[in-house]
All heavy atoms as atom14 arrays in JSON, in Angstrom:
{
  "sequence": "DVPLRGAPLLGLRVGLTLALAALSYRFVELPIRQGALGRVWDDIR",
  "atom14_mask": [
    [1, 1, 1, 1, 1, 1, 1, 1, 0, 0, 0, 0, 0, 0],
    [1, 1, 1, 1, 1, 1, 1, 0, 0, 0, 0, 0, 0, 0],
    [1, 1, 1, 1, 1, 1, 1, 0, 0, 0, 0, 0, 0, 0],
    [1, 1, 1, 1, 1, 1, 1, 1, 0, 0, 0, 0, 0, 0],
    [1, 1, 1, 1, 1, 1, 1, 1, 1, 1, 1, 0, 0, 0],
    [1, 1, 1, 1, 0, 0, 0, 0, 0, 0, 0, 0, 0, 0],
    [1, 1, 1, 1, 1, 0, 0, 0, 0, 0, 0, 0, 0, 0],
    [1, 1, 1, 1, 1, 1, 1, 0, 0, 0, 0, 0, 0, 0],
    [1, 1, 1, 1, 1, 1, 1, 1, 0, 0, 0, 0, 0, 0],
    [1, 1, 1, 1, 1, 1, 1, 1, 0, 0, 0, 0, 0, 0],
    [1, 1, 1, 1, 0, 0, 0, 0, 0, 0, 0, 0, 0, 0],
    [1, 1, 1, 1, 1, 1, 1, 1, 0, 0, 0, 0, 0, 0],
    [1, 1, 1, 1, 1, 1, 1, 1, 1, 1, 1, 0, 0, 0],
    [1, 1, 1, 1, 1, 1, 1, 0, 0, 0, 0, 0, 0, 0],
    [1, 1, 1, 1, 0, 0, 0, 0, 0, 0, 0, 0, 0, 0],
    [1, 1, 1, 1, 1, 1, 1, 1, 0, 0, 0, 0, 0, 0],
    [1, 1, 1, 1, 1, 1, 1, 0, 0, 0, 0, 0, 0, 0],
    [1, 1, 1, 1, 1, 1, 1, 1, 0, 0, 0, 0, 0, 0],
    [1, 1, 1, 1, 1, 0, 0, 0, 0, 0, 0, 0, 0, 0],
    [1, 1, 1, 1, 1, 1, 1, 1, 0, 0, 0, 0, 0, 0],
    [1, 1, 1, 1, 1, 0, 0, 0, 0, 0, 0, 0, 0, 0],
    [1, 1, 1, 1, 1, 0, 0, 0, 0, 0, 0, 0, 0, 0],
    [1, 1, 1, 1, 1, 1, 1, 1, 0, 0, 0, 0, 0, 0],
    [1, 1, 1, 1, 1, 1, 0, 0, 0, 0, 0, 0, 0, 0],
    [1, 1, 1, 1, 1, 1, 1, 1, 1, 1, 1, 1, 0, 0],
    [1, 1, 1, 1, 1, 1, 1, 1, 1, 1, 1, 0, 0, 0],
    [1, 1, 1, 1, 1, 1, 1, 1, 1, 1, 1, 0, 0, 0],
    [1, 1, 1, 1, 1, 1, 1, 0, 0, 0, 0, 0, 0, 0],
    [1, 1, 1, 1, 1, 1, 1, 1, 1, 0, 0, 0, 0, 0],
    [1, 1, 1, 1, 1, 1, 1, 1, 0, 0, 0, 0, 0, 0],
    [1, 1, 1, 1, 1, 1, 1, 0, 0, 0, 0, 0, 0, 0],
    [1, 1, 1, 1, 1, 1, 1, 1, 0, 0, 0, 0, 0, 0],
    [1, 1, 1, 1, 1, 1, 1, 1, 1, 1, 1, 0, 0, 0],
    [1, 1, 1, 1, 1, 1, 1, 1, 1, 0, 0, 0, 0, 0],
    [1, 1, 1, 1, 0, 0, 0, 0, 0, 0, 0, 0, 0, 0],
    [1, 1, 1, 1, 1, 0, 0, 0, 0, 0, 0, 0, 0, 0],
    [1, 1, 1, 1, 1, 1, 1, 1, 0, 0, 0, 0, 0, 0],
    [1, 1, 1, 1, 0, 0, 0, 0, 0, 0, 0, 0, 0, 0],
    [1, 1, 1, 1, 1, 1, 1, 1, 1, 1, 1, 0, 0, 0],
    [1, 1, 1, 1, 1, 1, 1, 0, 0, 0, 0, 0, 0, 0],
    [1, 1, 1, 1, 1, 1, 1, 1, 1, 1, 1, 1, 1, 1],
    [1, 1, 1, 1, 1, 1, 1, 1, 0, 0, 0, 0, 0, 0],
    [1, 1, 1, 1, 1, 1, 1, 1, 0, 0, 0, 0, 0, 0],
    [1, 1, 1, 1, 1, 1, 1, 1, 0, 0, 0, 0, 0, 0],
    [1, 1, 1, 1, 1, 1, 1, 1, 1, 1, 1, 0, 0, 0]
  ],
  "atom14_positions": [
    [[-24.96, 13.7, -16.61], [-24.64, 13.75, -15.18], [-24.71, 15.17, -14.64], [-25.06, 15.38, -13.47], [-23.24, 13.19, -14.94], [-23.1, 11.76, -15.45], [-23.99, 10.95, -15.17], [-22.1, 11.46, -16.12], [0.0, 0.0, 0.0], [0.0, 0.0, 0.0], [0.0, 0.0, 0.0], [0.0, 0.0, 0.0], [0.0, 0.0, 0.0], [0.0, 0.0, 0.0]],
    [[-24.34, 16.14, -15.45], [-24.36, 17.55, -15.04], [-24.97, 18.4, -16.15], [-24.8, 18.1, -17.33], [-22.92, 18.06, -14.72], [-22.36, 17.36, -13.5], [-22.0, 17.88, -15.92], [0.0, 0.0, 0.0], [0.0, 0.0, 0.0], [0.0, 0.0, 0.0], [0.0, 0.0, 0.0], [0.0, 0.0, 0.0], [0.0, 0.0, 0.0], [0.0, 0.0, 0.0]],
    [[-25.69, 19.47, -15.79], [-26.32, 20.32, -16.82], [-25.36, 21.38, -17.34], [-25.69, 22.57, -17.42], [-27.48, 20.95, -16.05], [-26.96, 21.07, -14.65], [-26.07, 19.87, -14.43], [0.0, 0.0, 0.0], [0.0, 0.0, 0.0], [0.0, 0.0, 0.0], [0.0, 0.0, 0.0], [0.0, 0.0, 0.0], [0.0, 0.0, 0.0], [0.0, 0.0, 0.0]],
    [[-24.17, 20.97, -17.72], [-23.14, 21.92, -18.14], [-22.5, 21.48, -19.45], [-22.48, 20.28, -19.77], [-22.04, 22.04, -17.07], [-22.45, 22.6, -15.71], [-21.27, 22.5, -14.74], [-22.91, 24.04, -15.83], [0.0, 0.0, 0.0], [0.0, 0.0, 0.0], [0.0, 0.0, 0.0], [0.0, 0.0, 0.0], [0.0, 0.0, 0.0], [0.0, 0.0, 0.0]],
    [[-21.94, 22.45, -20.16], [-21.18, 22.19, -21.38], [-20.09, 23.24, -21.49], [-20.08, 24.23, -20.78], [-22.07, 22.27, -22.62], [-22.95, 21.05, -22.85], [-23.79, 21.21, -24.1], [-24.48, 19.97, -24.42], [-23.96, 19.0, -25.14], [-22.74, 19.12, -25.62], [-24.64, 17.9, -25.4], [0.0, 0.0, 0.0], [0.0, 0.0, 0.0], [0.0, 0.0, 0.0]],
    [[-19.15, 23.04, -22.42], [-18.17, 24.05, -22.75], [-17.27, 24.43, -21.59], [-16.85, 23.62, -20.77], [0.0, 0.0, 0.0], [0.0, 0.0, 0.0], [0.0, 0.0, 0.0], [0.0, 0.0, 0.0], [0.0, 0.0, 0.0], [0.0, 0.0, 0.0], [0.0, 0.0, 0.0], [0.0, 0.0, 0.0], [0.0, 0.0, 0.0], [0.0, 0.0, 0.0]],
    [[-16.99, 25.73, -21.48], [-16.05, 26.24, -20.48], [-16.5, 25.96, -19.04], [-15.67, 25.59, -18.21], [-15.84, 27.75, -20.69], [0.0, 0.0, 0.0], [0.0, 0.0, 0.0], [0.0, 0.0, 0.0], [0.0, 0.0, 0.0], [0.0, 0.0, 0.0], [0.0, 0.0, 0.0], [0.0, 0.0, 0.0], [0.0, 0.0, 0.0], [0.0, 0.0, 0.0]],
    [[-17.79, 26.12, -18.69], [-18.18, 25.79, -17.31], [-17.91, 24.32, -16.95], [-17.47, 24.03, -15.84], [-19.69, 26.1, -17.28], [-19.88, 27.12, -18.35], [-18.91, 26.74, -19.44], [0.0, 0.0, 0.0], [0.0, 0.0, 0.0], [0.0, 0.0, 0.0], [0.0, 0.0, 0.0], [0.0, 0.0, 0.0], [0.0, 0.0, 0.0], [0.0, 0.0, 0.0]],
    [[-18.17, 23.42, -17.89], [-17.91, 22.0, -17.63], [-16.41, 21.75, -17.49], [-15.98, 20.99, -16.6], [-18.49, 21.15, -18.76], [-18.25, 19.64, -18.65], [-18.84, 19.09, -17.36], [-18.81, 18.92, -19.86], [0.0, 0.0, 0.0], [0.0, 0.0, 0.0], [0.0, 0.0, 0.0], [0.0, 0.0, 0.0], [0.0, 0.0, 0.0], [0.0, 0.0, 0.0]],
    [[-15.62, 22.39, -18.34], [-14.17, 22.24, -18.25], [-13.67, 22.73, -16.88], [-12.84, 22.08, -16.24], [-13.48, 23.01, -19.37], [-11.95, 23.02, -19.34], [-11.4, 21.62, -19.51], [-11.4, 23.94, -20.44], [0.0, 0.0, 0.0], [0.0, 0.0, 0.0], [0.0, 0.0, 0.0], [0.0, 0.0, 0.0], [0.0, 0.0, 0.0], [0.0, 0.0, 0.0]],
    [[-14.18, 23.88, -16.45], [-13.78, 24.41, -15.15], [-14.13, 23.47, -14.01], [-13.34, 23.26, -13.09], [0.0, 0.0, 0.0], [0.0, 0.0, 0.0], [0.0, 0.0, 0.0], [0.0, 0.0, 0.0], [0.0, 0.0, 0.0], [0.0, 0.0, 0.0], [0.0, 0.0, 0.0], [0.0, 0.0, 0.0], [0.0, 0.0, 0.0], [0.0, 0.0, 0.0]],
    [[-15.35, 22.89, -14.07], [-15.77, 21.94, -13.04], [-14.85, 20.73, -13.02], [-14.4, 20.28, -11.94], [-17.21, 21.5, -13.3], [-17.74, 20.38, -12.38], [-17.86, 20.88, -10.95], [-19.09, 19.87, -12.89], [0.0, 0.0, 0.0], [0.0, 0.0, 0.0], [0.0, 0.0, 0.0], [0.0, 0.0, 0.0], [0.0, 0.0, 0.0], [0.0, 0.0, 0.0]],
    [[-14.53, 20.19, -14.19], [-13.7, 18.99, -14.26], [-12.27, 19.26, -13.77], [-11.71, 18.46, -13.02], [-13.68, 18.48, -15.71], [-14.97, 17.8, -16.13], [-15.01, 17.5, -17.61], [-16.04, 16.51, -17.93], [-16.37, 16.15, -19.15], [-15.75, 16.7, -20.2], [-17.29, 15.22, -19.37], [0.0, 0.0, 0.0], [0.0, 0.0, 0.0], [0.0, 0.0, 0.0]],
    [[-11.72, 20.38, -14.18], [-10.36, 20.71, -13.74], [-10.34, 20.93, -12.23], [-9.44, 20.44, -11.52], [-9.84, 21.96, -14.48], [-8.53, 22.45, -13.87], [-9.63, 21.66, -15.96], [0.0, 0.0, 0.0], [0.0, 0.0, 0.0], [0.0, 0.0, 0.0], [0.0, 0.0, 0.0], [0.0, 0.0, 0.0], [0.0, 0.0, 0.0], [0.0, 0.0, 0.0]],
    [[-11.34, 21.66, -11.71], [-11.39, 21.93, -10.29], [-11.53, 20.66, -9.47], [-10.83, 20.47, -8.46], [0.0, 0.0, 0.0], [0.0, 0.0, 0.0], [0.0, 0.0, 0.0], [0.0, 0.0, 0.0], [0.0, 0.0, 0.0], [0.0, 0.0, 0.0], [0.0, 0.0, 0.0], [0.0, 0.0, 0.0], [0.0, 0.0, 0.0], [0.0, 0.0, 0.0]],
    [[-12.43, 19.76, -9.87], [-12.61, 18.5, -9.16], [-11.35, 17.64, -9.2], [-10.94, 17.06, -8.19], [-13.78, 17.71, -9.77], [-15.19, 18.18, -9.41], [-16.24, 17.39, -10.18], [-15.45, 18.05, -7.91], [0.0, 0.0, 0.0], [0.0, 0.0, 0.0], [0.0, 0.0, 0.0], [0.0, 0.0, 0.0], [0.0, 0.0, 0.0], [0.0, 0.0, 0.0]],
    [[-10.72, 17.58, -10.37], [-9.51, 16.76, -10.51], [-8.39, 17.28, -9.63], [-7.72, 16.5, -8.92], [-9.05, 16.74, -11.98], [-10.1, 16.2, -12.8], [-7.8, 15.89, -12.16], [0.0, 0.0, 0.0], [0.0, 0.0, 0.0], [0.0, 0.0, 0.0], [0.0, 0.0, 0.0], [0.0, 0.0, 0.0], [0.0, 0.0, 0.0], [0.0, 0.0, 0.0]],
    [[-8.16, 18.59, -9.64], [-7.1, 19.17, -8.81], [-7.41, 19.0, -7.32], [-6.51, 18.71, -6.52], [-6.94, 20.65, -9.15], [-6.36, 20.97, -10.54], [-6.28, 22.48, -10.74], [-4.99, 20.34, -10.71], [0.0, 0.0, 0.0], [0.0, 0.0, 0.0], [0.0, 0.0, 0.0], [0.0, 0.0, 0.0], [0.0, 0.0, 0.0], [0.0, 0.0, 0.0]],
    [[-8.69, 19.17, -6.93], [-9.05, 19.03, -5.51], [-8.84, 17.6, -5.03], [-8.26, 17.36, -3.96], [-10.51, 19.45, -5.31], [0.0, 0.0, 0.0], [0.0, 0.0, 0.0], [0.0, 0.0, 0.0], [0.0, 0.0, 0.0], [0.0, 0.0, 0.0], [0.0, 0.0, 0.0], [0.0, 0.0, 0.0], [0.0, 0.0, 0.0], [0.0, 0.0, 0.0]],
    [[-9.27, 16.62, -5.82], [-9.1, 15.23, -5.44], [-7.63, 14.83, -5.41], [-7.19, 14.1, -4.51], [-9.87, 14.32, -6.41], [-11.4, 14.4, -6.31], [-12.05, 13.7, -7.49], [-11.87, 13.78, -5.0], [0.0, 0.0, 0.0], [0.0, 0.0, 0.0], [0.0, 0.0, 0.0], [0.0, 0.0, 0.0], [0.0, 0.0, 0.0], [0.0, 0.0, 0.0]],
    [[-6.86, 15.33, -6.38], [-5.42, 15.03, -6.4], [-4.72, 15.65, -5.2], [-3.83, 15.02, -4.6], [-4.8, 15.54, -7.7], [0.0, 0.0, 0.0], [0.0, 0.0, 0.0], [0.0, 0.0, 0.0], [0.0, 0.0, 0.0], [0.0, 0.0, 0.0], [0.0, 0.0, 0.0], [0.0, 0.0, 0.0], [0.0, 0.0, 0.0], [0.0, 0.0, 0.0]],
    [[-5.12, 16.86, -4.82], [-4.51, 17.5, -3.65], [-4.84, 16.74, -2.36], [-3.97, 16.55, -1.5], [-5.01, 18.95, -3.54], [0.0, 0.0, 0.0], [0.0, 0.0, 0.0], [0.0, 0.0, 0.0], [0.0, 0.0, 0.0], [0.0, 0.0, 0.0], [0.0, 0.0, 0.0], [0.0, 0.0, 0.0], [0.0, 0.0, 0.0], [0.0, 0.0, 0.0]],
    [[-6.08, 16.27, -2.24], [-6.47, 15.51, -1.04], [-5.74, 14.17, -0.98], [-5.25, 13.78, 0.09], [-7.98, 15.29, -1.05], [-8.84, 16.53, -0.79], [-10.32, 16.22, -1.01], [-8.62, 17.04, 0.64], [0.0, 0.0, 0.0], [0.0, 0.0, 0.0], [0.0, 0.0, 0.0], [0.0, 0.0, 0.0], [0.0, 0.0, 0.0], [0.0, 0.0, 0.0]],
    [[-5.67, 13.48, -2.1], [-4.99, 12.17, -2.08], [-3.49, 12.35, -1.85], [-2.85, 11.52, -1.21], [-5.25, 11.41, -3.39], [-4.72, 12.11, -4.5], [0.0, 0.0, 0.0], [0.0, 0.0, 0.0], [0.0, 0.0, 0.0], [0.0, 0.0, 0.0], [0.0, 0.0, 0.0], [0.0, 0.0, 0.0], [0.0, 0.0, 0.0], [0.0, 0.0, 0.0]],
    [[-2.92, 13.45, -2.35], [-1.5, 13.73, -2.11], [-1.25, 13.96, -0.62], [-0.31, 13.43, -0.03], [-1.08, 14.95, -2.92], [0.36, 15.37, -2.71], [1.4, 14.67, -3.32], [0.68, 16.47, -1.91], [2.73, 15.05, -3.14], [1.99, 16.86, -1.72], [3.01, 16.15, -2.34], [4.32, 16.53, -2.15], [0.0, 0.0, 0.0], [0.0, 0.0, 0.0]],
    [[-2.15, 14.75, 0.0], [-1.97, 15.1, 1.42], [-2.23, 13.92, 2.34], [-1.49, 13.7, 3.31], [-2.91, 16.27, 1.77], [-3.0, 16.61, 3.25], [-1.69, 17.12, 3.81], [-1.81, 17.42, 5.23], [-1.71, 16.52, 6.21], [-1.49, 15.24, 5.91], [-1.83, 16.9, 7.46], [0.0, 0.0, 0.0], [0.0, 0.0, 0.0], [0.0, 0.0, 0.0]],
    [[-3.27, 13.16, 2.08], [-3.69, 12.15, 3.05], [-3.34, 10.72, 2.66], [-3.55, 9.81, 3.46], [-5.21, 12.26, 3.28], [-5.62, 13.56, 3.9], [-6.24, 14.55, 3.15], [-5.36, 13.81, 5.24], [-6.61, 15.75, 3.73], [-5.72, 15.02, 5.82], [-6.35, 16.0, 5.07], [0.0, 0.0, 0.0], [0.0, 0.0, 0.0], [0.0, 0.0, 0.0]],
    [[-2.84, 10.51, 1.44], [-2.46, 9.16, 1.01], [-0.99, 9.1, 0.61], [-0.2, 8.34, 1.19], [-3.35, 8.65, -0.14], [-2.93, 7.24, -0.57], [-4.82, 8.66, 0.27], [0.0, 0.0, 0.0], [0.0, 0.0, 0.0], [0.0, 0.0, 0.0], [0.0, 0.0, 0.0], [0.0, 0.0, 0.0], [0.0, 0.0, 0.0], [0.0, 0.0, 0.0]],
    [[-0.61, 9.91, -0.37], [0.75, 9.81, -0.91], [1.81, 10.2, 0.13], [2.77, 9.44, 0.37], [0.89, 10.69, -2.16], [0.11, 10.19, -3.36], [0.36, 11.05, -4.59], [1.55, 11.24, -4.94], [-0.61, 11.54, -5.19], [0.0, 0.0, 0.0], [0.0, 0.0, 0.0], [0.0, 0.0, 0.0], [0.0, 0.0, 0.0], [0.0, 0.0, 0.0]],
    [[1.66, 11.38, 0.73], [2.67, 11.84, 1.7], [2.81, 10.89, 2.9], [3.94, 10.53, 3.27], [2.35, 13.26, 2.16], [2.72, 14.38, 1.19], [2.37, 15.75, 1.8], [4.2, 14.33, 0.83], [0.0, 0.0, 0.0], [0.0, 0.0, 0.0], [0.0, 0.0, 0.0], [0.0, 0.0, 0.0], [0.0, 0.0, 0.0], [0.0, 0.0, 0.0]],
    [[1.7, 10.48, 3.53], [1.86, 9.55, 4.66], [2.58, 8.25, 4.25], [3.42, 7.75, 5.0], [0.42, 9.27, 5.09], [-0.34, 10.49, 4.69], [0.29, 10.92, 3.4], [0.0, 0.0, 0.0], [0.0, 0.0, 0.0], [0.0, 0.0, 0.0], [0.0, 0.0, 0.0], [0.0, 0.0, 0.0], [0.0, 0.0, 0.0], [0.0, 0.0, 0.0]],
    [[2.26, 7.72, 3.07], [2.92, 6.48, 2.64], [4.4, 6.74, 2.38], [5.26, 5.93, 2.76], [2.22, 5.92, 1.38], [0.83, 5.39, 1.75], [3.05, 4.82, 0.74], [0.03, 4.9, 0.58], [0.0, 0.0, 0.0], [0.0, 0.0, 0.0], [0.0, 0.0, 0.0], [0.0, 0.0, 0.0], [0.0, 0.0, 0.0], [0.0, 0.0, 0.0]],
    [[4.73, 7.86, 1.77], [6.14, 8.2, 1.52], [6.91, 8.34, 2.83], [8.11, 8.08, 2.89], [6.24, 9.5, 0.72], [5.79, 9.38, -0.72], [5.9, 10.72, -1.42], [5.4, 10.65, -2.78], [5.35, 11.71, -3.6], [5.78, 12.88, -3.16], [4.87, 11.57, -4.81], [0.0, 0.0, 0.0], [0.0, 0.0, 0.0], [0.0, 0.0, 0.0]],
    [[6.22, 8.8, 3.86], [6.86, 9.02, 5.15], [6.82, 7.79, 6.05], [7.08, 7.88, 7.24], [6.2, 10.22, 5.84], [6.42, 11.52, 5.08], [5.5, 12.65, 5.54], [4.66, 12.44, 6.43], [5.64, 13.82, 4.93], [0.0, 0.0, 0.0], [0.0, 0.0, 0.0], [0.0, 0.0, 0.0], [0.0, 0.0, 0.0], [0.0, 0.0, 0.0]],
    [[6.46, 6.64, 5.48], [6.54, 5.38, 6.21], [5.3, 4.97, 6.96], [5.39, 4.14, 7.88], [0.0, 0.0, 0.0], [0.0, 0.0, 0.0], [0.0, 0.0, 0.0], [0.0, 0.0, 0.0], [0.0, 0.0, 0.0], [0.0, 0.0, 0.0], [0.0, 0.0, 0.0], [0.0, 0.0, 0.0], [0.0, 0.0, 0.0], [0.0, 0.0, 0.0]],
    [[4.13, 5.52, 6.61], [2.91, 5.21, 7.36], [2.58, 3.72, 7.31], [2.2, 3.13, 8.32], [1.74, 6.03, 6.82], [0.0, 0.0, 0.0], [0.0, 0.0, 0.0], [0.0, 0.0, 0.0], [0.0, 0.0, 0.0], [0.0, 0.0, 0.0], [0.0, 0.0, 0.0], [0.0, 0.0, 0.0], [0.0, 0.0, 0.0], [0.0, 0.0, 0.0]],
    [[2.7, 3.1, 6.14], [2.37, 1.68, 6.02], [3.31, 0.82, 6.86], [2.89, -0.16, 7.48], [2.41, 1.25, 4.55], [1.33, 1.85, 3.64], [1.46, 1.31, 2.23], [-0.07, 1.57, 4.18], [0.0, 0.0, 0.0], [0.0, 0.0, 0.0], [0.0, 0.0, 0.0], [0.0, 0.0, 0.0], [0.0, 0.0, 0.0], [0.0, 0.0, 0.0]],
    [[4.61, 1.19, 6.85], [5.56, 0.44, 7.68], [5.23, 0.54, 9.16], [5.31, -0.45, 9.9], [0.0, 0.0, 0.0], [0.0, 0.0, 0.0], [0.0, 0.0, 0.0], [0.0, 0.0, 0.0], [0.0, 0.0, 0.0], [0.0, 0.0, 0.0], [0.0, 0.0, 0.0], [0.0, 0.0, 0.0], [0.0, 0.0, 0.0], [0.0, 0.0, 0.0]],
    [[4.83, 1.74, 9.6], [4.48, 1.93, 11.02], [3.21, 1.15, 11.38], [3.11, 0.58, 12.47], [4.32, 3.41, 11.32], [5.64, 4.2, 11.28], [5.46, 5.58, 11.87], [4.56, 6.4, 11.07], [4.96, 7.16, 10.04], [6.25, 7.17, 9.67], [4.09, 7.89, 9.37], [0.0, 0.0, 0.0], [0.0, 0.0, 0.0], [0.0, 0.0, 0.0]],
    [[2.25, 1.14, 10.45], [1.03, 0.38, 10.71], [1.35, -1.11, 10.83], [0.84, -1.8, 11.71], [0.0, 0.62, 9.57], [-1.15, -0.38, 9.66], [-0.54, 2.04, 9.64], [0.0, 0.0, 0.0], [0.0, 0.0, 0.0], [0.0, 0.0, 0.0], [0.0, 0.0, 0.0], [0.0, 0.0, 0.0], [0.0, 0.0, 0.0], [0.0, 0.0, 0.0]],
    [[2.2, -1.6, 9.95], [2.59, -3.0, 10.02], [3.3, -3.32, 11.34], [3.06, -4.36, 11.95], [3.46, -3.35, 8.82], [3.95, -4.77, 8.81], [5.23, -5.21, 8.87], [3.15, -5.94, 8.71], [5.29, -6.57, 8.83], [4.02, -7.06, 8.73], [1.77, -6.17, 8.63], [3.57, -8.37, 8.66], [1.31, -7.48, 8.56], [2.21, -8.56, 8.57]],
    [[4.17, -2.41, 11.78], [4.85, -2.59, 13.08], [3.84, -2.61, 14.22], [3.98, -3.41, 15.17], [5.87, -1.48, 13.29], [7.07, -1.6, 12.34], [7.29, -2.71, 11.82], [7.76, -0.57, 12.13], [0.0, 0.0, 0.0], [0.0, 0.0, 0.0], [0.0, 0.0, 0.0], [0.0, 0.0, 0.0], [0.0, 0.0, 0.0], [0.0, 0.0, 0.0]],
    [[2.83, -1.73, 14.16], [1.8, -1.7, 15.19], [1.04, -3.02, 15.24], [0.73, -3.54, 16.32], [0.81, -0.56, 14.93], [1.44, 0.81, 15.16], [2.5, 0.87, 15.83], [0.87, 1.81, 14.67], [0.0, 0.0, 0.0], [0.0, 0.0, 0.0], [0.0, 0.0, 0.0], [0.0, 0.0, 0.0], [0.0, 0.0, 0.0], [0.0, 0.0, 0.0]],
    [[0.72, -3.55, 14.06], [-0.02, -4.82, 14.02], [0.82, -5.95, 14.61], [0.34, -6.76, 15.41], [-0.43, -5.14, 12.56], [-1.45, -4.1, 12.05], [-1.01, -6.54, 12.46], [-1.8, -4.24, 10.59], [0.0, 0.0, 0.0], [0.0, 0.0, 0.0], [0.0, 0.0, 0.0], [0.0, 0.0, 0.0], [0.0, 0.0, 0.0], [0.0, 0.0, 0.0]],
    [[2.09, -5.98, 14.23], [2.97, -7.03, 14.77], [3.12, -6.9, 16.29], [3.09, -7.9, 17.01], [4.33, -6.94, 14.08], [4.3, -7.33, 12.61], [5.61, -7.05, 11.93], [6.7, -7.8, 12.57], [7.98, -7.62, 12.26], [8.33, -6.71, 11.37], [8.91, -8.35, 12.87], [0.0, 0.0, 0.0], [0.0, 0.0, 0.0], [0.0, 0.0, 0.0]]
  ]
}
């Protein structure tokens, strides 16, 4: 999938994992913790 091995590949994998986790934390986990799904359900009702 990628032309990398060793330390460069490890760096790419760690960087991608942390970036994706940070985005999902900011835009998925936090909103849900703060009641986003409940508010959406109220809006639908």
